[in-house]
């Protein structure tokens, strides 16, 4: 489950909306499943913070569909491979996007490192819960339904990241998605837990700027040229003092580490 800001203020109970989705699917004439996609670029990798919203179709008026106040642009898009197999491996879905007129190729050329690392969120809801347009307002009211939209009626969101571009043709561009744990070069935790400090001595992370000098064995020395950190807790204790040790095992400044 995830928490939505202002959910309780809006007067909803999260279980009510999600239960309504399941209840509708079990009915005699269930509403159509709507699959929405959000593509989020980030400043550090793509040079811009921007989110794109896609859906593989339009409403009956030929317009982009709207859900939770957000318009989802019509773009031929297909995704599969979201199933969990129970074998311990995480899904690696495939996302295929139409490349008519070279639209996706043009987008890729504007990004320094392509779309790798972009966040892809898959949202699934039902047509009856979309923001109000004609077939919701007419057909469902006729059969006794009054609601014209419910921004909380959805399945739990699925979040993946673009790992690589698997194929590019004039017709379609195919991307391979993965969970954040499968991204190349990513570890959890992102910093290894080892017995020696990983900070550069006297850096901003280490934060030590004192004039008391010690060698690698934590023995006092006369000048800065002989000053070498032993990268141990005892090395911090010699420089910062035992009484300044913080409750979580580190020392003042950013340079706290696990021993």
C-alpha atoms as a PDB file:
ATOM      1  CA  UNK A   1       0.000   0.000   0.000  1.00  0.00           C
ATOM      2  CA  UNK A   2       1.081   3.609  -0.424  1.00  0.00           C
ATOM      3  CA  UNK A   3      -0.132   6.801   1.225  1.00  0.00           C
ATOM      4  CA  UNK A   4      -1.799   9.542  -0.804  1.00  0.00           C
ATOM      5  CA  UNK A   5      -1.461  13.099   0.493  1.00  0.00           C
ATOM      6  CA  UNK A   6      -4.794  14.519   1.626  1.00  0.00           C
ATOM      7  CA  UNK A   7      -6.526  11.158   1.366  1.00  0.00           C
ATOM      8  CA  UNK A   8      -8.342  11.330   4.657  1.00  0.00           C
ATOM      9  CA  UNK A   9      -9.151  15.017   4.182  1.00  0.00           C
ATOM     10  CA  UNK A  10     -10.979  14.077   0.994  1.00  0.00           C
ATOM     11  CA  UNK A  11     -13.191  11.789   3.070  1.00  0.00           C
ATOM     12  CA  UNK A  12     -12.151   8.509   1.484  1.00  0.00           C
ATOM     13  CA  UNK A  13     -11.285   5.249   3.129  1.00  0.00           C
ATOM     14  CA  UNK A  14      -8.587   3.581   1.070  1.00  0.00           C
ATOM     15  CA  UNK A  15     -10.107   0.123   1.397  1.00  0.00           C
ATOM     16  CA  UNK A  16     -13.462   1.362   0.060  1.00  0.00           C
ATOM     17  CA  UNK A  17     -12.129   2.515  -3.310  1.00  0.00           C
ATOM     18  CA  UNK A  18      -9.909  -0.519  -3.814  1.00  0.00           C
ATOM     19  CA  UNK A  19     -12.704  -2.870  -2.792  1.00  0.00           C
ATOM     20  CA  UNK A  20     -14.971  -1.141  -5.301  1.00  0.00           C
ATOM     21  CA  UNK A  21     -12.550  -2.007  -8.130  1.00  0.00           C
ATOM     22  CA  UNK A  22     -12.628  -5.695  -7.225  1.00  0.00           C
ATOM     23  CA  UNK A  23     -16.392  -5.656  -6.727  1.00  0.00           C
ATOM     24  CA  UNK A  24     -16.951  -4.124 -10.161  1.00  0.00           C
ATOM     25  CA  UNK A  25     -14.782  -6.747 -11.869  1.00  0.00           C
ATOM     26  CA  UNK A  26     -16.851  -9.481 -10.251  1.00  0.00           C
ATOM     27  CA  UNK A  27     -20.102  -7.999 -11.556  1.00  0.00           C
ATOM     28  CA  UNK A  28     -22.152  -9.197 -14.523  1.00  0.00           C
ATOM     29  CA  UNK A  29     -20.956  -6.392 -16.825  1.00  0.00           C
ATOM     30  CA  UNK A  30     -17.616  -5.161 -15.476  1.00  0.00           C
ATOM     31  CA  UNK A  31     -16.113  -1.905 -16.649  1.00  0.00           C
ATOM     32  CA  UNK A  32     -13.069  -1.925 -18.941  1.00  0.00           C
ATOM     33  CA  UNK A  33      -9.603  -1.976 -17.393  1.00  0.00           C
ATOM     34  CA  UNK A  34      -7.660   1.192 -18.197  1.00  0.00           C
ATOM     35  CA  UNK A  35      -3.848   1.043 -18.191  1.00  0.00           C
ATOM     36  CA  UNK A  36      -1.991   4.329 -17.722  1.00  0.00           C
ATOM     37  CA  UNK A  37       1.733   5.095 -17.764  1.00  0.00           C
ATOM     38  CA  UNK A  38       3.829   7.854 -16.240  1.00  0.00           C
ATOM     39  CA  UNK A  39       7.388   8.452 -17.455  1.00  0.00           C
ATOM     40  CA  UNK A  40       9.518  10.578 -15.114  1.00  0.00           C
ATOM     41  CA  UNK A  41      12.843  12.122 -16.143  1.00  0.00           C
ATOM     42  CA  UNK A  42      15.247  13.414 -13.506  1.00  0.00           C
ATOM     43  CA  UNK A  43      17.714  16.290 -13.541  1.00  0.00           C
ATOM     44  CA  UNK A  44      20.833  14.288 -12.642  1.00  0.00           C
ATOM     45  CA  UNK A  45      20.507  11.774 -15.493  1.00  0.00           C
ATOM     46  CA  UNK A  46      18.445  13.531 -18.138  1.00  0.00           C
ATOM     47  CA  UNK A  47      19.124  17.201 -17.494  1.00  0.00           C
ATOM     48  CA  UNK A  48      15.478  17.989 -16.744  1.00  0.00           C
ATOM     49  CA  UNK A  49      12.763  17.127 -14.224  1.00  0.00           C
ATOM     50  CA  UNK A  50       9.744  16.311 -16.353  1.00  0.00           C
ATOM     51  CA  UNK A  51       6.903  13.794 -16.317  1.00  0.00           C
ATOM     52  CA  UNK A  52       5.055  12.459 -19.375  1.00  0.00           C
ATOM     53  CA  UNK A  53       1.618  10.820 -19.161  1.00  0.00           C
ATOM     54  CA  UNK A  54       0.543   8.188 -21.708  1.00  0.00           C
ATOM     55  CA  UNK A  55      -2.414   5.965 -22.517  1.00  0.00           C
ATOM     56  CA  UNK A  56      -2.749   3.677 -25.530  1.00  0.00           C
ATOM     57  CA  UNK A  57      -6.105   5.111 -26.624  1.00  0.00           C
ATOM     58  CA  UNK A  58      -8.654   7.916 -26.491  1.00  0.00           C
ATOM     59  CA  UNK A  59     -12.189   8.328 -25.205  1.00  0.00           C
ATOM     60  CA  UNK A  60     -15.219   7.977 -27.443  1.00  0.00           C
ATOM     61  CA  UNK A  61     -14.948  11.636 -28.404  1.00  0.00           C
ATOM     62  CA  UNK A  62     -11.442  11.099 -29.760  1.00  0.00           C
ATOM     63  CA  UNK A  63      -9.885  13.077 -26.917  1.00  0.00           C
ATOM     64  CA  UNK A  64      -7.159  12.192 -24.437  1.00  0.00           C
ATOM     65  CA  UNK A  65      -8.545  10.548 -21.314  1.00  0.00           C
ATOM     66  CA  UNK A  66      -8.354  12.335 -17.971  1.00  0.00           C
ATOM     67  CA  UNK A  67      -7.914  10.684 -14.604  1.00  0.00           C
ATOM     68  CA  UNK A  68      -7.393  12.336 -11.210  1.00  0.00           C
ATOM     69  CA  UNK A  69      -7.302  15.679 -13.007  1.00  0.00           C
ATOM     70  CA  UNK A  70      -4.365  14.656 -15.200  1.00  0.00           C
ATOM     71  CA  UNK A  71      -4.621  14.308 -18.969  1.00  0.00           C
ATOM     72  CA  UNK A  72      -2.983  11.199 -20.440  1.00  0.00           C
ATOM     73  CA  UNK A  73      -1.770  11.723 -23.990  1.00  0.00           C
ATOM     74  CA  UNK A  74      -2.875   9.193 -26.588  1.00  0.00           C
ATOM     75  CA  UNK A  75       0.166   7.214 -27.760  1.00  0.00           C
ATOM     76  CA  UNK A  76       0.305   3.643 -29.105  1.00  0.00           C
ATOM     77  CA  UNK A  77       2.060   1.854 -26.263  1.00  0.00           C
ATOM     78  CA  UNK A  78       2.250  -1.791 -25.230  1.00  0.00           C
ATOM     79  CA  UNK A  79       3.719  -3.364 -22.106  1.00  0.00           C
ATOM     80  CA  UNK A  80       4.001  -6.957 -20.908  1.00  0.00           C
ATOM     81  CA  UNK A  81       6.052  -9.118 -18.565  1.00  0.00           C
ATOM     82  CA  UNK A  82       4.691  -7.775 -15.286  1.00  0.00           C
ATOM     83  CA  UNK A  83       3.831 -11.243 -13.936  1.00  0.00           C
ATOM     84  CA  UNK A  84       5.624 -12.545 -10.836  1.00  0.00           C
ATOM     85  CA  UNK A  85       6.806 -16.153 -11.200  1.00  0.00           C
ATOM     86  CA  UNK A  86       7.480 -16.982  -7.551  1.00  0.00           C
ATOM     87  CA  UNK A  87      11.021 -18.165  -8.325  1.00  0.00           C
ATOM     88  CA  UNK A  88      12.721 -15.303  -6.527  1.00  0.00           C
ATOM     89  CA  UNK A  89      13.571 -13.257  -9.619  1.00  0.00           C
ATOM     90  CA  UNK A  90      11.993  -9.846 -10.147  1.00  0.00           C
ATOM     91  CA  UNK A  91       9.977  -9.126 -13.311  1.00  0.00           C
ATOM     92  CA  UNK A  92      11.715  -7.338 -16.183  1.00  0.00           C
ATOM     93  CA  UNK A  93       8.790  -5.977 -18.234  1.00  0.00           C
ATOM     94  CA  UNK A  94       9.075  -4.818 -21.830  1.00  0.00           C
ATOM     95  CA  UNK A  95       7.669  -1.455 -22.930  1.00  0.00           C
ATOM     96  CA  UNK A  96       7.043  -0.835 -26.654  1.00  0.00           C
ATOM     97  CA  UNK A  97       6.239   2.670 -27.864  1.00  0.00           C
ATOM     98  CA  UNK A  98       5.201   3.668 -31.389  1.00  0.00           C
ATOM     99  CA  UNK A  99       7.896   5.651 -33.162  1.00  0.00           C
ATOM    100  CA  UNK A 100       5.749   7.179 -35.861  1.00  0.00           C
ATOM    101  CA  UNK A 101       7.449  10.171 -37.494  1.00  0.00           C
ATOM    102  CA  UNK A 102      10.501   9.451 -35.335  1.00  0.00           C
ATOM    103  CA  UNK A 103       8.906  11.010 -32.234  1.00  0.00           C
ATOM    104  CA  UNK A 104      10.692   8.790 -29.694  1.00  0.00           C
ATOM    105  CA  UNK A 105      13.960   8.901 -31.615  1.00  0.00           C
ATOM    106  CA  UNK A 106      13.824  12.702 -31.524  1.00  0.00           C
ATOM    107  CA  UNK A 107      13.220  12.637 -27.763  1.00  0.00           C
ATOM    108  CA  UNK A 108      16.171  10.294 -27.250  1.00  0.00           C
ATOM    109  CA  UNK A 109      18.461  12.589 -29.232  1.00  0.00           C
ATOM    110  CA  UNK A 110      17.645  15.510 -26.900  1.00  0.00           C
ATOM    111  CA  UNK A 111      18.751  13.556 -23.808  1.00  0.00           C
ATOM    112  CA  UNK A 112      22.474  13.210 -23.006  1.00  0.00           C
ATOM    113  CA  UNK A 113      22.202   9.579 -21.858  1.00  0.00           C
ATOM    114  CA  UNK A 114      18.934   8.491 -23.438  1.00  0.00           C
ATOM    115  CA  UNK A 115      16.013   7.334 -21.292  1.00  0.00           C
ATOM    116  CA  UNK A 116      18.016   4.886 -19.187  1.00  0.00           C
ATOM    117  CA  UNK A 117      17.175   5.380 -15.508  1.00  0.00           C
ATOM    118  CA  UNK A 118      13.825   7.063 -16.187  1.00  0.00           C
ATOM    119  CA  UNK A 119      11.062   6.043 -13.792  1.00  0.00           C
ATOM    120  CA  UNK A 120       8.042   4.262 -15.277  1.00  0.00           C
ATOM    121  CA  UNK A 121       4.863   3.966 -13.201  1.00  0.00           C
ATOM    122  CA  UNK A 122       2.085   1.650 -14.334  1.00  0.00           C
ATOM    123  CA  UNK A 123      -1.397   2.575 -13.109  1.00  0.00           C
ATOM    124  CA  UNK A 124      -4.502   0.441 -13.597  1.00  0.00           C
ATOM    125  CA  UNK A 125      -8.037   1.544 -12.910  1.00  0.00           C
ATOM    126  CA  UNK A 126     -11.481   1.038 -14.471  1.00  0.00           C
ATOM    127  CA  UNK A 127     -13.162   3.174 -17.131  1.00  0.00           C
ATOM    128  CA  UNK A 128     -16.018   4.057 -14.788  1.00  0.00           C
ATOM    129  CA  UNK A 129     -13.598   5.766 -12.405  1.00  0.00           C
ATOM    130  CA  UNK A 130     -12.054   8.089 -14.978  1.00  0.00           C
ATOM    131  CA  UNK A 131     -12.861  11.783 -14.828  1.00  0.00           C
ATOM    132  CA  UNK A 132     -16.243  12.580 -16.314  1.00  0.00           C
ATOM    133  CA  UNK A 133     -16.805  12.318 -20.070  1.00  0.00           C
ATOM    134  CA  UNK A 134     -19.814  11.234 -22.120  1.00  0.00           C
ATOM    135  CA  UNK A 135     -19.859   7.459 -21.840  1.00  0.00           C
ATOM    136  CA  UNK A 136     -19.326   7.593 -18.088  1.00  0.00           C
ATOM    137  CA  UNK A 137     -21.915  10.312 -17.582  1.00  0.00           C
ATOM    138  CA  UNK A 138     -24.562   8.661 -19.767  1.00  0.00           C
ATOM    139  CA  UNK A 139     -24.175   4.895 -19.763  1.00  0.00           C
ATOM    140  CA  UNK A 140     -23.416   4.396 -16.104  1.00  0.00           C
ATOM    141  CA  UNK A 141     -26.040   6.801 -14.832  1.00  0.00           C
ATOM    142  CA  UNK A 142     -28.604   4.949 -16.963  1.00  0.00           C
ATOM    143  CA  UNK A 143     -27.799   1.682 -15.193  1.00  0.00           C
ATOM    144  CA  UNK A 144     -27.967   3.259 -11.769  1.00  0.00           C
ATOM    145  CA  UNK A 145     -24.411   4.432 -11.123  1.00  0.00           C
ATOM    146  CA  UNK A 146     -23.907   7.993  -9.985  1.00  0.00           C
ATOM    147  CA  UNK A 147     -20.151   8.371  -9.665  1.00  0.00           C
ATOM    148  CA  UNK A 148     -18.255  10.175 -12.417  1.00  0.00           C
ATOM    149  CA  UNK A 149     -14.738   9.478 -11.209  1.00  0.00           C
ATOM    150  CA  UNK A 150     -12.696   8.226  -8.267  1.00  0.00           C
ATOM    151  CA  UNK A 151      -8.997   9.102  -8.231  1.00  0.00           C
ATOM    152  CA  UNK A 152      -8.350   6.562  -5.478  1.00  0.00           C
ATOM    153  CA  UNK A 153      -9.939   3.573  -7.208  1.00  0.00           C
ATOM    154  CA  UNK A 154      -6.913   1.789  -8.602  1.00  0.00           C
ATOM    155  CA  UNK A 155      -4.721  -1.239  -8.112  1.00  0.00           C
ATOM    156  CA  UNK A 156      -1.420  -0.761  -6.251  1.00  0.00           C
ATOM    157  CA  UNK A 157       0.954   1.065  -8.562  1.00  0.00           C
ATOM    158  CA  UNK A 158       3.887  -0.750 -10.138  1.00  0.00           C
ATOM    159  CA  UNK A 159       7.127   1.226 -10.372  1.00  0.00           C
ATOM    160  CA  UNK A 160      10.008   0.274 -12.652  1.00  0.00           C
ATOM    161  CA  UNK A 161      12.994   1.963 -14.272  1.00  0.00           C
ATOM    162  CA  UNK A 162      14.226   1.868 -17.849  1.00  0.00           C
ATOM    163  CA  UNK A 163      17.288  -0.358 -17.858  1.00  0.00           C
ATOM    164  CA  UNK A 164      18.137  -0.244 -21.559  1.00  0.00           C
ATOM    165  CA  UNK A 165      16.781   0.337 -25.041  1.00  0.00           C
ATOM    166  CA  UNK A 166      16.356  -3.168 -26.451  1.00  0.00           C
ATOM    167  CA  UNK A 167      15.361  -2.255 -30.010  1.00  0.00           C
ATOM    168  CA  UNK A 168      14.763   0.804 -32.200  1.00  0.00           C
ATOM    169  CA  UNK A 169      13.112   0.836 -35.625  1.00  0.00           C
ATOM    170  CA  UNK A 170      11.219   3.471 -37.632  1.00  0.00           C
ATOM    171  CA  UNK A 171       8.009   1.894 -36.306  1.00  0.00           C
ATOM    172  CA  UNK A 172       8.632   1.102 -32.655  1.00  0.00           C
ATOM    173  CA  UNK A 173      11.120   1.603 -29.838  1.00  0.00           C
ATOM    174  CA  UNK A 174      11.379  -1.146 -27.244  1.00  0.00           C
ATOM    175  CA  UNK A 175      12.666  -0.662 -23.703  1.00  0.00           C
ATOM    176  CA  UNK A 176      13.501  -3.225 -21.057  1.00  0.00           C
ATOM    177  CA  UNK A 177      12.343  -2.258 -17.559  1.00  0.00           C
ATOM    178  CA  UNK A 178      13.610  -3.429 -14.198  1.00  0.00           C
ATOM    179  CA  UNK A 179      13.099  -2.789 -10.520  1.00  0.00           C
ATOM    180  CA  UNK A 180      15.374  -0.302  -8.782  1.00  0.00           C
ATOM    181  CA  UNK A 181      17.328  -3.213  -7.262  1.00  0.00           C
ATOM    182  CA  UNK A 182      18.217  -4.515 -10.733  1.00  0.00           C
ATOM    183  CA  UNK A 183      19.648  -1.252 -12.077  1.00  0.00           C
ATOM    184  CA  UNK A 184      23.285  -1.571 -13.108  1.00  0.00           C
ATOM    185  CA  UNK A 185      25.632  -0.336 -10.400  1.00  0.00           C
ATOM    186  CA  UNK A 186      22.924  -0.039  -7.728  1.00  0.00           C
ATOM    187  CA  UNK A 187      23.358  -1.791  -4.385  1.00  0.00           C
ATOM    188  CA  UNK A 188      21.034  -1.979  -1.404  1.00  0.00           C
ATOM    189  CA  UNK A 189      22.245  -0.424   0.801  1.00  0.00           C
ATOM    190  CA  UNK A 190      23.989   1.871  -1.697  1.00  0.00           C
ATOM    191  CA  UNK A 191      27.049   2.183   0.577  1.00  0.00           C
ATOM    192  CA  UNK A 192      28.806  -0.989   1.663  1.00  0.00           C
ATOM    193  CA  UNK A 193      28.941  -1.689   5.393  1.00  0.00           C
ATOM    194  CA  UNK A 194      32.566  -2.431   6.277  1.00  0.00           C
ATOM    195  CA  UNK A 195      34.737  -2.106   9.368  1.00  0.00           C
ATOM    196  CA  UNK A 196      36.819   0.806   8.058  1.00  0.00           C
ATOM    197  CA  UNK A 197      35.748   4.406   7.449  1.00  0.00           C
ATOM    198  CA  UNK A 198      35.149   5.194   3.786  1.00  0.00           C
ATOM    199  CA  UNK A 199      35.424   8.998   4.006  1.00  0.00           C
ATOM    200  CA  UNK A 200      38.433  10.906   2.663  1.00  0.00           C
ATOM    201  CA  UNK A 201      40.401  12.162   5.641  1.00  0.00           C
ATOM    202  CA  UNK A 202      39.880  15.884   6.435  1.00  0.00           C
ATOM    203  CA  UNK A 203      37.204  16.165   3.740  1.00  0.00           C
ATOM    204  CA  UNK A 204      33.769  17.738   4.222  1.00  0.00           C
ATOM    205  CA  UNK A 205      32.385  14.277   4.944  1.00  0.00           C
ATOM    206  CA  UNK A 206      35.068  13.512   7.529  1.00  0.00           C
ATOM    207  CA  UNK A 207      34.684  17.022   9.037  1.00  0.00           C
ATOM    208  CA  UNK A 208      37.909  16.855  11.072  1.00  0.00           C
ATOM    209  CA  UNK A 209      39.891  20.126  10.831  1.00  0.00           C
ATOM    210  CA  UNK A 210      41.808  20.022  14.124  1.00  0.00           C
ATOM    211  CA  UNK A 211      45.469  20.698  14.773  1.00  0.00           C
ATOM    212  CA  UNK A 212      46.036  17.524  16.790  1.00  0.00           C
ATOM    213  CA  UNK A 213      47.981  15.137  14.519  1.00  0.00           C
ATOM    214  CA  UNK A 214      48.202  11.336  14.668  1.00  0.00           C
ATOM    215  CA  UNK A 215      49.737   8.566  12.585  1.00  0.00           C
ATOM    216  CA  UNK A 216      47.986   5.494  11.185  1.00  0.00           C
ATOM    217  CA  UNK A 217      48.378   3.759  14.579  1.00  0.00           C
ATOM    218  CA  UNK A 218      46.615   6.684  16.333  1.00  0.00           C
ATOM    219  CA  UNK A 219      49.831   7.830  18.006  1.00  0.00           C
ATOM    220  CA  UNK A 220      50.460  11.604  18.341  1.00  0.00           C
ATOM    221  CA  UNK A 221      52.882  13.118  15.811  1.00  0.00           C
ATOM    222  CA  UNK A 222      54.418  16.565  15.525  1.00  0.00           C
ATOM    223  CA  UNK A 223      53.139  17.996  12.241  1.00  0.00           C
ATOM    224  CA  UNK A 224      50.532  17.787   9.483  1.00  0.00           C
ATOM    225  CA  UNK A 225      52.853  16.010   7.042  1.00  0.00           C
ATOM    226  CA  UNK A 226      52.880  12.974   9.353  1.00  0.00           C
ATOM    227  CA  UNK A 227      49.130  13.071   9.971  1.00  0.00           C
ATOM    228  CA  UNK A 228      47.485   9.888   8.647  1.00  0.00           C
ATOM    229  CA  UNK A 229      44.060   8.535   9.613  1.00  0.00           C
ATOM    230  CA  UNK A 230      43.867   4.881  10.611  1.00  0.00           C
ATOM    231  CA  UNK A 231      40.222   4.677   9.384  1.00  0.00           C
ATOM    232  CA  UNK A 232      39.080   3.081  12.674  1.00  0.00           C
ATOM    233  CA  UNK A 233      36.753   4.180  15.468  1.00  0.00           C
ATOM    234  CA  UNK A 234      39.836   4.644  17.635  1.00  0.00           C
ATOM    235  CA  UNK A 235      41.136   7.078  15.000  1.00  0.00           C
ATOM    236  CA  UNK A 236      37.994   9.203  15.412  1.00  0.00           C
ATOM    237  CA  UNK A 237      38.191   8.934  19.189  1.00  0.00           C
ATOM    238  CA  UNK A 238      41.760  10.240  19.134  1.00  0.00           C
ATOM    239  CA  UNK A 239      40.775  13.267  17.073  1.00  0.00           C
ATOM    240  CA  UNK A 240      37.242  14.100  18.228  1.00  0.00           C
ATOM    241  CA  UNK A 241      37.431  12.726  21.773  1.00  0.00           C
ATOM    242  CA  UNK A 242      35.602   9.736  23.254  1.00  0.00           C
ATOM    243  CA  UNK A 243      32.946  11.905  24.918  1.00  0.00           C
ATOM    244  CA  UNK A 244      31.813  13.396  21.598  1.00  0.00           C
ATOM    245  CA  UNK A 245      30.792  10.053  20.114  1.00  0.00           C
ATOM    246  CA  UNK A 246      27.187  10.098  18.910  1.00  0.00           C
ATOM    247  CA  UNK A 247      24.524   7.505  19.896  1.00  0.00           C
ATOM    248  CA  UNK A 248      24.492   5.869  16.452  1.00  0.00           C
ATOM    249  CA  UNK A 249      28.200   5.083  16.573  1.00  0.00           C
ATOM    250  CA  UNK A 250      29.688   7.979  14.598  1.00  0.00           C
ATOM    251  CA  UNK A 251      31.143  11.374  15.324  1.00  0.00           C
ATOM    252  CA  UNK A 252      30.159  15.025  14.725  1.00  0.00           C
ATOM    253  CA  UNK A 253      29.900  16.038  11.093  1.00  0.00           C
ATOM    254  CA  UNK A 254      28.830  13.887   8.198  1.00  0.00           C
ATOM    255  CA  UNK A 255      31.633  11.413   8.642  1.00  0.00           C
ATOM    256  CA  UNK A 256      29.782   8.811  10.709  1.00  0.00           C
ATOM    257  CA  UNK A 257      30.349   5.202   9.809  1.00  0.00           C
ATOM    258  CA  UNK A 258      29.581   1.701  10.940  1.00  0.00           C
ATOM    259  CA  UNK A 259      32.281  -0.299  12.712  1.00  0.00           C
END
